Amino acid sequence: MTSTLMNKLVIVVLAVLGSWATEAMARTLPEAAASMAERHEQWMAQYDRKYSDDAEKESRLQIFKENAEFVEKFNSEGNRTYKLSLNAFADLSTEEFFASRTGYKMRSNQSRSDNINASFMYESLTDIPMSMDWRDQEAVTPIKNQGKCGKKLFCIFLHLLLFLSKYYRSRITKQTTRNKDKSKLNKALAVNKN
């Protein structure tokens, strides 16, 4: 008897779990869209975002949805040491973000992949050296030991000090050279007067 009671109980539990699973899977698209619209409304309140009209709000909702789906997919992969989240830029497309934050203006008829390849042309593909030291080209300065440069303000001060010392050293060198030339000229004039 207990075995039939146990079987009935298992069947009832499976039926309840099955109905819950079916209900979750039967969620309609408008419900999911309403959920995303609610998330967008919450996000708008959090970042005090207002749009000029309903058309702009709808287009921003679409961009927000795409960015939210990207974040969810990225985080669900789980093979990274960090997680993404929606921020104040979640209603901007990639192009809008770059244009507003980096000063870059992408042409409307240009895709990102076109931009990467077309903006730079090599002079000569045959004369490429195997390695290059930018210090030899005087494009960078030698490495400076900054010690325990933990404070950003201190680092800025250190670099400013190095720049000023180079600047004044070059001015003093020029001035010393001029003074030596003047003293030679004065000696020559004194010799000629005698």
N, C-alpha and C. Protein backbone atom coordinates (compact mmCIF):
# COMPACT_ATOMS: atom_id res chain seq x y z
N MET A 1 0.79 -1.18 0.00
CA MET A 1 0.00 0.00 0.00
C MET A 1 0.84 1.26 0.00
N THR A 2 1.86 1.23 0.76
CA THR A 2 2.71 2.41 0.83
C THR A 2 3.39 2.67 -0.50
N SER A 3 3.64 1.62 -1.23
CA SER A 3 4.29 1.81 -2.52
C SER A 3 3.34 2.48 -3.50
N THR A 4 2.07 2.14 -3.52
CA THR A 4 1.13 2.82 -4.42
C THR A 4 0.91 4.25 -3.98
N LEU A 5 0.89 4.48 -2.69
CA LEU A 5 0.76 5.86 -2.20
C LEU A 5 1.98 6.69 -2.59
N MET A 6 3.13 6.07 -2.49
CA MET A 6 4.38 6.74 -2.88
C MET A 6 4.38 7.03 -4.38
N ASN A 7 3.91 6.08 -5.19
CA ASN A 7 3.84 6.29 -6.63
C ASN A 7 2.90 7.44 -6.98
N LYS A 8 1.75 7.49 -6.31
CA LYS A 8 0.79 8.57 -6.55
C LYS A 8 1.40 9.92 -6.16
N LEU A 9 2.10 9.94 -5.05
CA LEU A 9 2.73 11.19 -4.60
C LEU A 9 3.79 11.66 -5.59
N VAL A 10 4.58 10.74 -6.10
CA VAL A 10 5.61 11.08 -7.10
C VAL A 10 4.94 11.62 -8.36
N ILE A 11 3.85 11.00 -8.79
CA ILE A 11 3.15 11.45 -9.99
C ILE A 11 2.58 12.85 -9.78
N VAL A 12 2.02 13.12 -8.62
CA VAL A 12 1.47 14.45 -8.33
C VAL A 12 2.59 15.49 -8.33
N VAL A 13 3.70 15.18 -7.70
CA VAL A 13 4.83 16.11 -7.65
C VAL A 13 5.35 16.38 -9.06
N LEU A 14 5.50 15.34 -9.86
CA LEU A 14 5.96 15.52 -11.24
C LEU A 14 4.97 16.34 -12.05
N ALA A 15 3.68 16.14 -11.83
CA ALA A 15 2.67 16.91 -12.55
C ALA A 15 2.75 18.39 -12.19
N VAL A 16 2.93 18.68 -10.90
CA VAL A 16 3.04 20.07 -10.46
C VAL A 16 4.30 20.71 -11.05
N LEU A 17 5.42 20.01 -10.96
CA LEU A 17 6.66 20.55 -11.52
C LEU A 17 6.55 20.73 -13.03
N GLY A 18 5.90 19.79 -13.70
CA GLY A 18 5.71 19.89 -15.14
C GLY A 18 4.86 21.09 -15.51
N SER A 19 3.83 21.35 -14.74
CA SER A 19 2.97 22.51 -15.05
C SER A 19 3.73 23.81 -14.82
N TRP A 20 4.57 23.85 -13.79
CA TRP A 20 5.37 25.06 -13.58
C TRP A 20 6.34 25.28 -14.73
N ALA A 21 6.98 24.21 -15.18
CA ALA A 21 7.93 24.33 -16.29
C ALA A 21 7.22 24.76 -17.56
N THR A 22 6.03 24.18 -17.81
CA THR A 22 5.27 24.56 -19.00
C THR A 22 4.85 26.01 -18.92
N GLU A 23 4.45 26.45 -17.75
CA GLU A 23 4.03 27.84 -17.56
C GLU A 23 5.20 28.79 -17.82
N ALA A 24 6.38 28.44 -17.33
CA ALA A 24 7.55 29.29 -17.54
C ALA A 24 7.93 29.32 -19.01
N MET A 25 7.83 28.17 -19.69
CA MET A 25 8.19 28.13 -21.11
C MET A 25 7.13 28.80 -21.97
N ALA A 26 5.90 28.86 -21.49
CA ALA A 26 4.82 29.44 -22.28
C ALA A 26 4.76 30.95 -22.15
N ARG A 27 5.72 31.53 -21.49
CA ARG A 27 5.74 32.99 -21.35
C ARG A 27 5.73 33.60 -22.74
N THR A 28 4.82 34.49 -22.97
CA THR A 28 4.66 35.05 -24.31
C THR A 28 5.66 36.17 -24.55
N LEU A 29 5.87 36.48 -25.80
CA LEU A 29 6.80 37.53 -26.19
C LEU A 29 6.40 38.89 -25.62
N PRO A 30 5.12 39.26 -25.65
CA PRO A 30 4.76 40.56 -25.06
C PRO A 30 5.13 40.65 -23.58
N GLU A 31 5.03 39.53 -22.84
CA GLU A 31 5.41 39.56 -21.43
C GLU A 31 6.90 39.82 -21.28
N ALA A 32 7.72 39.17 -22.13
CA ALA A 32 9.17 39.39 -22.08
C ALA A 32 9.49 40.82 -22.47
N ALA A 33 8.79 41.34 -23.48
CA ALA A 33 9.01 42.72 -23.90
C ALA A 33 8.60 43.69 -22.79
N ALA A 34 7.49 43.36 -22.10
CA ALA A 34 7.05 44.21 -20.99
C ALA A 34 8.09 44.20 -19.88
N SER A 35 8.68 43.03 -19.64
CA SER A 35 9.72 42.93 -18.62
C SER A 35 10.92 43.80 -18.99
N MET A 36 11.33 43.76 -20.26
CA MET A 36 12.46 44.59 -20.70
C MET A 36 12.09 46.06 -20.63
N ALA A 37 10.83 46.40 -20.96
CA ALA A 37 10.38 47.79 -20.87
C ALA A 37 10.41 48.25 -19.42
N GLU A 38 10.04 47.37 -18.50
CA GLU A 38 10.10 47.71 -17.07
C GLU A 38 11.55 47.94 -16.64
N ARG A 39 12.45 47.07 -17.09
CA ARG A 39 13.87 47.24 -16.76
C ARG A 39 14.38 48.56 -17.30
N HIS A 40 13.94 48.90 -18.53
CA HIS A 40 14.36 50.16 -19.14
C HIS A 40 13.83 51.34 -18.34
N GLU A 41 12.58 51.26 -17.88
CA GLU A 41 12.00 52.34 -17.06
C GLU A 41 12.79 52.50 -15.75
N GLN A 42 13.14 51.37 -15.13
CA GLN A 42 13.93 51.43 -13.89
C GLN A 42 15.30 52.05 -14.16
N TRP A 43 15.90 51.64 -15.27
CA TRP A 43 17.21 52.18 -15.65
C TRP A 43 17.10 53.68 -15.91
N MET A 44 16.03 54.11 -16.60
CA MET A 44 15.83 55.54 -16.87
C MET A 44 15.71 56.33 -15.57
N ALA A 45 15.00 55.77 -14.60
CA ALA A 45 14.86 56.45 -13.31
C ALA A 45 16.20 56.51 -12.58
N GLN A 46 16.96 55.41 -12.63
CA GLN A 46 18.25 55.36 -11.95
C GLN A 46 19.22 56.40 -12.50
N TYR A 47 19.25 56.55 -13.82
CA TYR A 47 20.20 57.46 -14.46
C TYR A 47 19.56 58.78 -14.90
N ASP A 48 18.33 59.04 -14.43
CA ASP A 48 17.62 60.28 -14.71
C ASP A 48 17.59 60.58 -16.21
N ARG A 49 17.24 59.58 -17.00
CA ARG A 49 17.22 59.71 -18.45
C ARG A 49 15.81 60.05 -18.91
N LYS A 50 15.71 61.07 -19.77
CA LYS A 50 14.43 61.48 -20.35
C LYS A 50 14.62 61.62 -21.85
N TYR A 51 13.60 61.25 -22.62
CA TYR A 51 13.67 61.32 -24.07
C TYR A 51 12.69 62.37 -24.59
N SER A 52 12.99 62.89 -25.77
CA SER A 52 12.18 63.99 -26.32
C SER A 52 10.80 63.54 -26.77
N ASP A 53 10.66 62.31 -27.25
CA ASP A 53 9.35 61.82 -27.70
C ASP A 53 9.30 60.30 -27.62
N ASP A 54 8.13 59.74 -27.94
CA ASP A 54 7.94 58.29 -27.85
C ASP A 54 8.79 57.53 -28.87
N ALA A 55 9.01 58.13 -30.04
CA ALA A 55 9.81 57.46 -31.07
C ALA A 55 11.25 57.28 -30.59
N GLU A 56 11.81 58.33 -29.99
CA GLU A 56 13.17 58.21 -29.47
C GLU A 56 13.22 57.20 -28.33
N LYS A 57 12.20 57.23 -27.47
CA LYS A 57 12.16 56.29 -26.35
C LYS A 57 12.12 54.85 -26.86
N GLU A 58 11.35 54.61 -27.91
CA GLU A 58 11.26 53.26 -28.48
C GLU A 58 12.59 52.81 -29.07
N SER A 59 13.27 53.72 -29.79
CA SER A 59 14.56 53.34 -30.38
C SER A 59 15.61 53.12 -29.29
N ARG A 60 15.57 53.93 -28.23
CA ARG A 60 16.50 53.75 -27.11
C ARG A 60 16.21 52.45 -26.37
N LEU A 61 14.92 52.07 -26.29
CA LEU A 61 14.56 50.80 -25.66
C LEU A 61 15.15 49.64 -26.45
N GLN A 62 15.12 49.72 -27.78
CA GLN A 62 15.70 48.66 -28.61
C GLN A 62 17.20 48.53 -28.38
N ILE A 63 17.90 49.67 -28.34
CA ILE A 63 19.34 49.65 -28.09
C ILE A 63 19.62 49.11 -26.69
N PHE A 64 18.83 49.57 -25.71
CA PHE A 64 18.96 49.09 -24.34
C PHE A 64 18.78 47.57 -24.29
N LYS A 65 17.76 47.07 -25.00
CA LYS A 65 17.49 45.64 -25.03
C LYS A 65 18.67 44.87 -25.61
N GLU A 66 19.22 45.34 -26.72
CA GLU A 66 20.37 44.67 -27.33
C GLU A 66 21.57 44.66 -26.38
N ASN A 67 21.82 45.79 -25.72
CA ASN A 67 22.94 45.86 -24.78
C ASN A 67 22.70 44.97 -23.57
N ALA A 68 21.46 44.93 -23.07
CA ALA A 68 21.13 44.08 -21.91
C ALA A 68 21.31 42.60 -22.28
N GLU A 69 20.87 42.23 -23.48
CA GLU A 69 21.03 40.84 -23.92
C GLU A 69 22.51 40.49 -24.08
N PHE A 70 23.31 41.43 -24.57
CA PHE A 70 24.75 41.19 -24.69
C PHE A 70 25.36 40.95 -23.32
N VAL A 71 25.00 41.79 -22.34
CA VAL A 71 25.53 41.66 -20.98
C VAL A 71 25.13 40.32 -20.38
N GLU A 72 23.86 39.94 -20.55
CA GLU A 72 23.38 38.67 -19.99
C GLU A 72 24.10 37.48 -20.64
N LYS A 73 24.26 37.52 -21.95
CA LYS A 73 24.95 36.43 -22.65
C LYS A 73 26.41 36.35 -22.21
N PHE A 74 27.07 37.49 -22.12
CA PHE A 74 28.47 37.55 -21.70
C PHE A 74 28.63 36.95 -20.30
N ASN A 75 27.77 37.37 -19.37
CA ASN A 75 27.87 36.90 -17.99
C ASN A 75 27.49 35.43 -17.85
N SER A 76 26.59 34.94 -18.70
CA SER A 76 26.16 33.54 -18.59
C SER A 76 27.23 32.57 -19.09
N GLU A 77 28.15 33.04 -19.92
CA GLU A 77 29.21 32.17 -20.42
C GLU A 77 30.12 31.71 -19.28
N GLY A 78 30.32 32.56 -18.30
CA GLY A 78 31.02 32.17 -17.09
C GLY A 78 32.49 31.84 -17.22
N ASN A 79 33.11 32.10 -18.34
CA ASN A 79 34.52 31.75 -18.50
C ASN A 79 35.43 32.96 -18.32
N ARG A 80 34.93 33.99 -17.66
CA ARG A 80 35.73 35.20 -17.45
C ARG A 80 35.85 35.48 -15.96
N THR A 81 36.84 36.28 -15.61
CA THR A 81 37.05 36.59 -14.20
C THR A 81 36.28 37.82 -13.76
N TYR A 82 35.47 38.39 -14.64
CA TYR A 82 34.71 39.58 -14.31
C TYR A 82 33.32 39.49 -14.92
N LYS A 83 32.45 40.35 -14.45
CA LYS A 83 31.07 40.39 -14.95
C LYS A 83 30.79 41.78 -15.50
N LEU A 84 29.93 41.84 -16.49
CA LEU A 84 29.48 43.12 -17.04
C LEU A 84 28.17 43.50 -16.37
N SER A 85 27.85 44.79 -16.41
CA SER A 85 26.54 45.25 -15.96
C SER A 85 26.15 46.47 -16.78
N LEU A 86 24.88 46.79 -16.73
CA LEU A 86 24.40 47.96 -17.47
C LEU A 86 24.84 49.22 -16.73
N ASN A 87 25.26 50.21 -17.49
CA ASN A 87 25.70 51.46 -16.88
C ASN A 87 24.95 52.63 -17.53
N ALA A 88 25.42 53.83 -17.33
CA ALA A 88 24.74 55.03 -17.82
C ALA A 88 24.72 55.11 -19.34
N PHE A 89 25.49 54.28 -20.03
CA PHE A 89 25.57 54.32 -21.49
C PHE A 89 24.77 53.19 -22.14
N ALA A 90 23.94 52.50 -21.39
CA ALA A 90 23.25 51.31 -21.90
C ALA A 90 22.26 51.61 -23.01
N ASP A 91 21.86 52.86 -23.20
CA ASP A 91 20.92 53.18 -24.28
C ASP A 91 21.62 53.78 -25.49
N LEU A 92 22.96 53.70 -25.52
CA LEU A 92 23.72 54.21 -26.66
C LEU A 92 24.24 53.04 -27.50
N SER A 93 24.22 53.22 -28.81
CA SER A 93 24.84 52.23 -29.68
C SER A 93 26.36 52.38 -29.57
N THR A 94 27.08 51.41 -30.07
CA THR A 94 28.55 51.47 -30.02
C THR A 94 29.06 52.72 -30.73
N GLU A 95 28.50 53.00 -31.90
CA GLU A 95 28.93 54.17 -32.67
C GLU A 95 28.65 55.47 -31.91
N GLU A 96 27.47 55.56 -31.29
CA GLU A 96 27.13 56.76 -30.53
C GLU A 96 28.06 56.93 -29.33
N PHE A 97 28.37 55.83 -28.67
CA PHE A 97 29.26 55.92 -27.52
C PHE A 97 30.63 56.44 -27.95
N PHE A 98 31.20 55.85 -29.01
CA PHE A 98 32.52 56.29 -29.46
C PHE A 98 32.49 57.74 -29.91
N ALA A 99 31.44 58.14 -30.60
CA ALA A 99 31.35 59.52 -31.07
C ALA A 99 31.23 60.50 -29.91
N SER A 100 30.49 60.13 -28.87
CA SER A 100 30.28 61.06 -27.76
C SER A 100 31.41 61.05 -26.74
N ARG A 101 32.15 59.96 -26.63
CA ARG A 101 33.17 59.86 -25.59
C ARG A 101 34.60 59.94 -26.08
N THR A 102 34.83 59.69 -27.36
CA THR A 102 36.20 59.71 -27.84
C THR A 102 36.45 60.79 -28.88
N GLY A 103 35.40 61.48 -29.29
CA GLY A 103 35.56 62.52 -30.29
C GLY A 103 35.58 61.98 -31.70
N TYR A 104 35.48 60.66 -31.85
CA TYR A 104 35.52 60.05 -33.18
C TYR A 104 34.15 60.17 -33.83
N LYS A 105 34.13 60.63 -35.05
CA LYS A 105 32.88 60.77 -35.80
C LYS A 105 32.89 59.77 -36.95
N MET A 106 32.11 58.72 -36.81
CA MET A 106 32.03 57.70 -37.86
C MET A 106 31.02 58.15 -38.91
N ARG A 107 31.39 58.03 -40.17
CA ARG A 107 30.45 58.37 -41.24
C ARG A 107 29.28 57.41 -41.20
N SER A 108 28.10 57.90 -41.56
CA SER A 108 26.91 57.06 -41.46
C SER A 108 26.95 55.87 -42.41
N ASN A 109 27.62 55.99 -43.55
CA ASN A 109 27.67 54.89 -44.51
C ASN A 109 28.89 54.00 -44.30
N GLN A 110 29.56 54.14 -43.19
CA GLN A 110 30.80 53.40 -42.93
C GLN A 110 30.58 52.42 -41.80
N SER A 111 30.99 51.19 -41.99
CA SER A 111 30.88 50.22 -40.90
C SER A 111 32.19 50.22 -40.12
N ARG A 112 32.18 49.61 -38.95
CA ARG A 112 33.39 49.59 -38.12
C ARG A 112 34.51 48.82 -38.80
N SER A 113 34.21 47.74 -39.48
CA SER A 113 35.28 46.96 -40.11
C SER A 113 35.90 47.73 -41.27
N ASP A 114 35.09 48.53 -42.01
CA ASP A 114 35.65 49.37 -43.08
C ASP A 114 36.63 50.36 -42.50
N ASN A 115 36.29 50.95 -41.37
CA ASN A 115 37.10 51.98 -40.76
C ASN A 115 38.46 51.45 -40.33
N ILE A 116 38.50 50.25 -39.83
CA ILE A 116 39.76 49.70 -39.32
C ILE A 116 40.78 49.56 -40.44
N ASN A 117 40.38 49.05 -41.58
CA ASN A 117 41.33 48.76 -42.64
C ASN A 117 41.63 49.94 -43.55
N ALA A 118 40.67 50.84 -43.75
CA ALA A 118 40.84 51.89 -44.75
C ALA A 118 41.55 53.13 -44.22
N SER A 119 41.69 53.26 -42.92
CA SER A 119 42.23 54.51 -42.38
C SER A 119 43.76 54.55 -42.40
N PHE A 120 44.43 53.45 -42.70
CA PHE A 120 45.88 53.42 -42.61
C PHE A 120 46.44 52.68 -43.82
N MET A 121 47.45 53.27 -44.44
CA MET A 121 48.09 52.62 -45.58
C MET A 121 49.59 52.52 -45.29
N TYR A 122 50.18 51.37 -45.54
CA TYR A 122 51.60 51.18 -45.36
C TYR A 122 52.36 51.84 -46.52
N GLU A 123 53.51 52.42 -46.19
CA GLU A 123 54.34 52.99 -47.25
C GLU A 123 54.98 51.89 -48.07
N SER A 124 55.63 50.96 -47.39
CA SER A 124 56.31 49.89 -48.10
C SER A 124 56.21 48.62 -47.27
N LEU A 125 55.65 47.60 -47.84
CA LEU A 125 55.50 46.34 -47.12
C LEU A 125 56.76 45.49 -47.18
N THR A 126 57.73 45.87 -48.00
CA THR A 126 58.93 45.06 -48.13
C THR A 126 60.05 45.52 -47.21
N ASP A 127 60.02 46.75 -46.74
CA ASP A 127 61.10 47.29 -45.91
C ASP A 127 60.74 47.30 -44.43
N ILE A 128 60.01 46.34 -43.96
CA ILE A 128 59.61 46.30 -42.56
C ILE A 128 60.70 45.62 -41.75
N PRO A 129 61.28 46.32 -40.75
CA PRO A 129 62.33 45.68 -39.95
C PRO A 129 61.74 44.62 -39.03
N MET A 130 62.55 43.67 -38.63
CA MET A 130 62.11 42.61 -37.72
C MET A 130 61.80 43.16 -36.34
N SER A 131 62.57 44.18 -35.93
CA SER A 131 62.30 44.82 -34.65
C SER A 131 62.71 46.28 -34.76
N MET A 132 62.23 47.06 -33.81
CA MET A 132 62.54 48.49 -33.85
C MET A 132 62.54 49.02 -32.42
N ASP A 133 63.54 49.80 -32.08
CA ASP A 133 63.62 50.41 -30.77
C ASP A 133 63.23 51.87 -30.91
N TRP A 134 62.09 52.23 -30.34
CA TRP A 134 61.60 53.60 -30.48
C TRP A 134 62.53 54.61 -29.81
N ARG A 135 63.36 54.14 -28.87
CA ARG A 135 64.32 55.06 -28.25
C ARG A 135 65.34 55.54 -29.26
N ASP A 136 65.72 54.66 -30.21
CA ASP A 136 66.67 55.07 -31.26
C ASP A 136 66.08 56.15 -32.15
N GLN A 137 64.78 56.14 -32.30
CA GLN A 137 64.10 57.15 -33.12
C GLN A 137 63.81 58.42 -32.32
N GLU A 138 64.19 58.40 -31.03
CA GLU A 138 63.91 59.49 -30.10
C GLU A 138 62.42 59.81 -30.02
N ALA A 139 61.61 58.76 -30.14
CA ALA A 139 60.16 58.92 -30.04
C ALA A 139 59.69 58.79 -28.60
N VAL A 140 60.47 58.11 -27.77
CA VAL A 140 60.14 57.96 -26.35
C VAL A 140 61.38 58.25 -25.53
N THR A 141 61.17 58.58 -24.28
CA THR A 141 62.29 58.85 -23.38
C THR A 141 62.70 57.56 -22.69
N PRO A 142 63.91 57.52 -22.13
CA PRO A 142 64.33 56.31 -21.40
C PRO A 142 63.44 56.08 -20.18
N ILE A 143 63.48 54.87 -19.67
CA ILE A 143 62.68 54.52 -18.50
C ILE A 143 63.18 55.28 -17.29
N LYS A 144 62.25 55.83 -16.52
CA LYS A 144 62.59 56.54 -15.29
C LYS A 144 62.15 55.69 -14.10
N ASN A 145 63.00 55.59 -13.09
CA ASN A 145 62.62 54.90 -11.88
C ASN A 145 61.79 55.86 -11.04
N GLN A 146 60.50 55.58 -10.92
CA GLN A 146 59.61 56.47 -10.19
C GLN A 146 59.43 56.02 -8.75
N GLY A 147 60.16 55.02 -8.35
CA GLY A 147 60.06 54.55 -6.98
C GLY A 147 58.67 54.02 -6.69
N LYS A 148 58.19 54.32 -5.52
CA LYS A 148 56.84 53.90 -5.14
C LYS A 148 55.86 54.99 -5.55
N CYS A 149 55.56 55.01 -6.80
CA CYS A 149 54.72 56.06 -7.36
C CYS A 149 53.26 55.66 -7.23
N GLY A 150 52.78 55.56 -6.02
CA GLY A 150 51.40 55.13 -5.80
C GLY A 150 50.39 56.24 -5.94
N LYS A 151 50.81 57.45 -5.73
CA LYS A 151 49.87 58.58 -5.80
C LYS A 151 49.91 59.18 -7.19
N LYS A 152 48.75 59.34 -7.78
CA LYS A 152 48.67 59.86 -9.14
C LYS A 152 49.21 61.29 -9.19
N LEU A 153 48.87 62.09 -8.20
CA LEU A 153 49.33 63.47 -8.18
C LEU A 153 50.86 63.53 -8.12
N PHE A 154 51.46 62.63 -7.34
CA PHE A 154 52.91 62.59 -7.25
C PHE A 154 53.52 62.24 -8.61
N CYS A 155 52.92 61.28 -9.32
CA CYS A 155 53.42 60.90 -10.64
C CYS A 155 53.35 62.07 -11.60
N ILE A 156 52.24 62.79 -11.56
CA ILE A 156 52.11 63.96 -12.43
C ILE A 156 53.18 64.99 -12.08
N PHE A 157 53.38 65.21 -10.79
CA PHE A 157 54.40 66.16 -10.36
C PHE A 157 55.79 65.72 -10.81
N LEU A 158 56.08 64.43 -10.70
CA LEU A 158 57.37 63.91 -11.11
C LEU A 158 57.61 64.15 -12.60
N HIS A 159 56.61 63.86 -13.42
CA HIS A 159 56.76 64.07 -14.86
C HIS A 159 56.89 65.55 -15.20
N LEU A 160 56.16 66.39 -14.50
CA LEU A 160 56.28 67.82 -14.71
C LEU A 160 57.68 68.29 -14.33
N LEU A 161 58.20 67.80 -13.24
CA LEU A 161 59.54 68.16 -12.80
C LEU A 161 60.59 67.72 -13.83
N LEU A 162 60.46 66.51 -14.35
CA LEU A 162 61.39 66.03 -15.37
C LEU A 162 61.32 66.89 -16.63
N PHE A 163 60.11 67.26 -17.04
CA PHE A 163 59.94 68.10 -18.22
C PHE A 163 60.59 69.47 -17.99
N LEU A 164 60.31 70.07 -16.84
CA LEU A 164 60.87 71.40 -16.56
C LEU A 164 62.38 71.35 -16.47
N SER A 165 62.92 70.29 -15.88
CA SER A 165 64.39 70.20 -15.78
C SER A 165 65.01 70.10 -17.17
N LYS A 166 64.40 69.33 -18.07
CA LYS A 166 64.92 69.26 -19.44
C LYS A 166 64.82 70.62 -20.13
N TYR A 167 63.68 71.28 -19.93
CA TYR A 167 63.45 72.58 -20.57
C TYR A 167 64.49 73.60 -20.10
N TYR A 168 64.66 73.72 -18.78
CA TYR A 168 65.61 74.70 -18.26
C TYR A 168 67.05 74.32 -18.58
N ARG A 169 67.36 73.03 -18.58
CA ARG A 169 68.71 72.61 -18.94
C ARG A 169 69.03 73.02 -20.38
N SER A 170 68.05 72.86 -21.28
CA SER A 170 68.30 73.26 -22.67
C SER A 170 68.44 74.78 -22.77
N ARG A 171 67.68 75.53 -22.00
CA ARG A 171 67.80 77.00 -22.03
C ARG A 171 69.14 77.44 -21.44
N ILE A 172 69.55 76.80 -20.35
CA ILE A 172 70.82 77.16 -19.72
C ILE A 172 71.97 76.82 -20.66
N THR A 173 71.88 75.67 -21.34
CA THR A 173 72.92 75.29 -22.30
C THR A 173 73.03 76.32 -23.40
N LYS A 174 71.89 76.76 -23.93
CA LYS A 174 71.91 77.79 -24.98
C LYS A 174 72.49 79.10 -24.45
N GLN A 175 72.08 79.47 -23.23
CA GLN A 175 72.55 80.73 -22.65
C GLN A 175 74.05 80.66 -22.37
N THR A 176 74.52 79.53 -21.86
CA THR A 176 75.94 79.36 -21.59
C THR A 176 76.74 79.45 -22.88
N THR A 177 76.23 78.84 -23.92
CA THR A 177 76.90 78.90 -25.22
C THR A 177 76.98 80.34 -25.70
N ARG A 178 75.90 81.09 -25.55
CA ARG A 178 75.90 82.50 -25.95
C ARG A 178 76.90 83.30 -25.12
N ASN A 179 76.93 83.04 -23.80
CA ASN A 179 77.86 83.77 -22.94
C ASN A 179 79.31 83.47 -23.30
N LYS A 180 79.62 82.21 -23.62
CA LYS A 180 80.98 81.86 -24.04
C LYS A 180 81.34 82.59 -25.32
N ASP A 181 80.39 82.63 -26.26
CA ASP A 181 80.64 83.33 -27.52
C ASP A 181 80.87 84.82 -27.27
N LYS A 182 80.08 85.41 -26.35
CA LYS A 182 80.25 86.84 -26.04
C LYS A 182 81.60 87.09 -25.39
N SER A 183 82.01 86.18 -24.48
CA SER A 183 83.29 86.41 -23.81
C SER A 183 84.44 86.28 -24.80
N LYS A 184 84.35 85.35 -25.75
CA LYS A 184 85.38 85.24 -26.79
C LYS A 184 85.41 86.51 -27.63
N LEU A 185 84.22 87.02 -27.95
CA LEU A 185 84.13 88.24 -28.75
C LEU A 185 84.73 89.42 -27.99
N ASN A 186 84.42 89.53 -26.70
CA ASN A 186 84.97 90.62 -25.89
C ASN A 186 86.49 90.53 -25.80
N LYS A 187 87.02 89.30 -25.64
CA LYS A 187 88.47 89.14 -25.60
C LYS A 187 89.09 89.55 -26.92
N ALA A 188 88.45 89.17 -28.01
CA ALA A 188 88.97 89.52 -29.34
C ALA A 188 88.94 91.03 -29.53
N LEU A 189 87.88 91.68 -29.08
CA LEU A 189 87.79 93.14 -29.21
C LEU A 189 88.84 93.83 -28.34
N ALA A 190 89.05 93.28 -27.13
CA ALA A 190 90.05 93.87 -26.23
C ALA A 190 91.45 93.74 -26.83
N VAL A 191 91.74 92.62 -27.47
CA VAL A 191 93.04 92.42 -28.10
C VAL A 191 93.21 93.40 -29.25
N ASN A 192 92.17 93.62 -30.02
CA ASN A 192 92.25 94.52 -31.17
C ASN A 192 92.42 95.97 -30.74
N LYS A 193 91.89 96.37 -29.58
CA LYS A 193 92.02 97.75 -29.10
C LYS A 193 93.46 98.04 -28.70
N ASN A 194 94.15 97.06 -28.21
CA ASN A 194 95.53 97.27 -27.75
C ASN A 194 96.41 97.29 -28.91
